[in-house]
Amino acid sequence: MQNLIEKNTPAWKFQTWASFILSFSLTLLGIFMIPGEFWIKGYLAMGIIFTVGSCFTLAKTIRDDHEAEKLSNRVYNAKTEKVLKEFEE
């Protein structure tokens, strides 16, 4: 059976992590550099942290649903092949 899992290259992993860390840190830096009271900055920082956490959770949920769909399609196709083989015999 062939390997159906496609792996990402190290360069792609580095680029995604670097862009995430850079964008997240610059956003937090921007929040704390704006003029205003500390509680306003804290509220904005808390909002961005929860938004990032929600994005990770959403991405994982979508990926898990996609993987489950691929597996159920493979099982369905295998059952179909079995029925067709039995019909041809």
C-alpha atoms as a PDB file:
ATOM      1  CA  MET A   1       0.000   0.000   0.000  1.00  0.00           C
ATOM      2  CA  GLN A   2       1.398   3.373  -0.911  1.00  0.00           C
ATOM      3  CA  ASN A   3       2.011   6.063   1.668  1.00  0.00           C
ATOM      4  CA  LEU A   4      -0.957   8.439   1.534  1.00  0.00           C
ATOM      5  CA  ILE A   5       0.405  10.946   4.048  1.00  0.00           C
ATOM      6  CA  GLU A   6       2.097  13.914   2.430  1.00  0.00           C
ATOM      7  CA  LYS A   7       4.754  15.530   4.598  1.00  0.00           C
ATOM      8  CA  ASN A   8       5.690  19.186   4.575  1.00  0.00           C
ATOM      9  CA  THR A   9       9.239  20.222   3.767  1.00  0.00           C
ATOM     10  CA  PRO A  10      11.434  21.708   6.505  1.00  0.00           C
ATOM     11  CA  ALA A  11      11.569  24.992   4.560  1.00  0.00           C
ATOM     12  CA  TRP A  12       7.762  25.233   4.566  1.00  0.00           C
ATOM     13  CA  LYS A  13       7.589  24.470   8.296  1.00  0.00           C
ATOM     14  CA  PHE A  14      10.213  27.143   9.012  1.00  0.00           C
ATOM     15  CA  GLN A  15       8.374  29.708   6.874  1.00  0.00           C
ATOM     16  CA  THR A  16       5.021  29.065   8.545  1.00  0.00           C
ATOM     17  CA  TRP A  17       6.440  29.208  12.070  1.00  0.00           C
ATOM     18  CA  ALA A  18       8.561  32.280  11.306  1.00  0.00           C
ATOM     19  CA  SER A  19       5.614  34.158   9.815  1.00  0.00           C
ATOM     20  CA  PHE A  20       3.382  33.193  12.743  1.00  0.00           C
ATOM     21  CA  ILE A  21       5.907  34.269  15.388  1.00  0.00           C
ATOM     22  CA  LEU A  22       6.711  37.499  13.553  1.00  0.00           C
ATOM     23  CA  SER A  23       3.093  38.517  12.992  1.00  0.00           C
ATOM     24  CA  PHE A  24       2.020  37.609  16.527  1.00  0.00           C
ATOM     25  CA  SER A  25       4.916  39.392  18.217  1.00  0.00           C
ATOM     26  CA  LEU A  26       4.600  42.505  16.051  1.00  0.00           C
ATOM     27  CA  THR A  27       0.876  42.674  16.755  1.00  0.00           C
ATOM     28  CA  LEU A  28       1.484  42.444  20.501  1.00  0.00           C
ATOM     29  CA  LEU A  29       4.248  45.039  20.234  1.00  0.00           C
ATOM     30  CA  GLY A  30       1.880  47.330  18.328  1.00  0.00           C
ATOM     31  CA  ILE A  31      -0.783  46.909  20.992  1.00  0.00           C
ATOM     32  CA  PHE A  32       1.590  47.902  23.779  1.00  0.00           C
ATOM     33  CA  MET A  33       3.049  50.818  21.788  1.00  0.00           C
ATOM     34  CA  ILE A  34      -0.279  52.544  21.187  1.00  0.00           C
ATOM     35  CA  PRO A  35      -1.065  55.402  23.526  1.00  0.00           C
ATOM     36  CA  GLY A  36      -3.624  54.569  26.156  1.00  0.00           C
ATOM     37  CA  GLU A  37      -4.156  53.079  29.565  1.00  0.00           C
ATOM     38  CA  PHE A  38      -2.738  49.707  30.529  1.00  0.00           C
ATOM     39  CA  TRP A  39      -6.153  48.026  30.931  1.00  0.00           C
ATOM     40  CA  ILE A  40      -7.046  48.906  27.329  1.00  0.00           C
ATOM     41  CA  LYS A  41      -3.779  47.415  26.082  1.00  0.00           C
ATOM     42  CA  GLY A  42      -4.368  44.327  28.233  1.00  0.00           C
ATOM     43  CA  TYR A  43      -7.850  43.916  26.826  1.00  0.00           C
ATOM     44  CA  LEU A  44      -6.545  44.129  23.244  1.00  0.00           C
ATOM     45  CA  ALA A  45      -3.707  41.697  24.006  1.00  0.00           C
ATOM     46  CA  MET A  46      -6.151  39.249  25.593  1.00  0.00           C
ATOM     47  CA  GLY A  47      -8.352  39.514  22.517  1.00  0.00           C
ATOM     48  CA  ILE A  48      -5.497  38.734  20.120  1.00  0.00           C
ATOM     49  CA  ILE A  49      -4.318  35.793  22.258  1.00  0.00           C
ATOM     50  CA  PHE A  50      -7.791  34.249  22.329  1.00  0.00           C
ATOM     51  CA  THR A  51      -8.184  34.862  18.596  1.00  0.00           C
ATOM     52  CA  VAL A  52      -4.952  33.007  17.864  1.00  0.00           C
ATOM     53  CA  GLY A  53      -6.039  30.122  20.119  1.00  0.00           C
ATOM     54  CA  SER A  54      -9.386  29.946  18.338  1.00  0.00           C
ATOM     55  CA  CYS A  55      -7.627  29.890  14.959  1.00  0.00           C
ATOM     56  CA  PHE A  56      -5.514  26.902  16.040  1.00  0.00           C
ATOM     57  CA  THR A  57      -8.599  25.082  17.312  1.00  0.00           C
ATOM     58  CA  LEU A  58     -10.568  25.802  14.139  1.00  0.00           C
ATOM     59  CA  ALA A  59      -7.703  24.667  11.902  1.00  0.00           C
ATOM     60  CA  LYS A  60      -7.336  21.426  13.868  1.00  0.00           C
ATOM     61  CA  THR A  61     -11.076  20.754  13.726  1.00  0.00           C
ATOM     62  CA  ILE A  62     -11.198  21.314   9.967  1.00  0.00           C
ATOM     63  CA  ARG A  63      -8.141  19.075   9.476  1.00  0.00           C
ATOM     64  CA  ASP A  64      -9.617  16.320  11.658  1.00  0.00           C
ATOM     65  CA  ASP A  65     -12.918  16.441   9.754  1.00  0.00           C
ATOM     66  CA  HIS A  66     -11.058  16.237   6.452  1.00  0.00           C
ATOM     67  CA  GLU A  67      -8.971  13.268   7.631  1.00  0.00           C
ATOM     68  CA  ALA A  68     -12.073  11.459   8.904  1.00  0.00           C
ATOM     69  CA  GLU A  69     -13.810  12.059   5.571  1.00  0.00           C
ATOM     70  CA  LYS A  70     -10.826  10.637   3.684  1.00  0.00           C
ATOM     71  CA  LEU A  71     -10.860   7.538   5.883  1.00  0.00           C
ATOM     72  CA  SER A  72     -14.602   6.997   5.529  1.00  0.00           C
ATOM     73  CA  ASN A  73     -14.292   7.394   1.740  1.00  0.00           C
ATOM     74  CA  ARG A  74     -11.541   4.756   1.675  1.00  0.00           C
ATOM     75  CA  VAL A  75     -13.717   2.358   3.694  1.00  0.00           C
ATOM     76  CA  TYR A  76     -16.709   3.054   1.435  1.00  0.00           C
ATOM     77  CA  ASN A  77     -14.608   2.496  -1.707  1.00  0.00           C
ATOM     78  CA  ALA A  78     -13.230  -0.758  -0.312  1.00  0.00           C
ATOM     79  CA  LYS A  79     -16.754  -2.016   0.408  1.00  0.00           C
ATOM     80  CA  THR A  80     -17.839  -1.019  -3.094  1.00  0.00           C
ATOM     81  CA  GLU A  81     -14.900  -2.880  -4.630  1.00  0.00           C
ATOM     82  CA  LYS A  82     -15.755  -5.963  -2.589  1.00  0.00           C
ATOM     83  CA  VAL A  83     -19.389  -5.910  -3.699  1.00  0.00           C
ATOM     84  CA  LEU A  84     -18.355  -5.455  -7.343  1.00  0.00           C
ATOM     85  CA  LYS A  85     -15.893  -8.353  -7.140  1.00  0.00           C
ATOM     86  CA  GLU A  86     -18.560 -10.595  -5.618  1.00  0.00           C
ATOM     87  CA  PHE A  87     -21.037  -9.546  -8.336  1.00  0.00           C
ATOM     88  CA  GLU A  88     -18.563 -10.333 -11.131  1.00  0.00           C
ATOM     89  CA  GLU A  89     -17.898 -13.851  -9.795  1.00  0.00           C
END
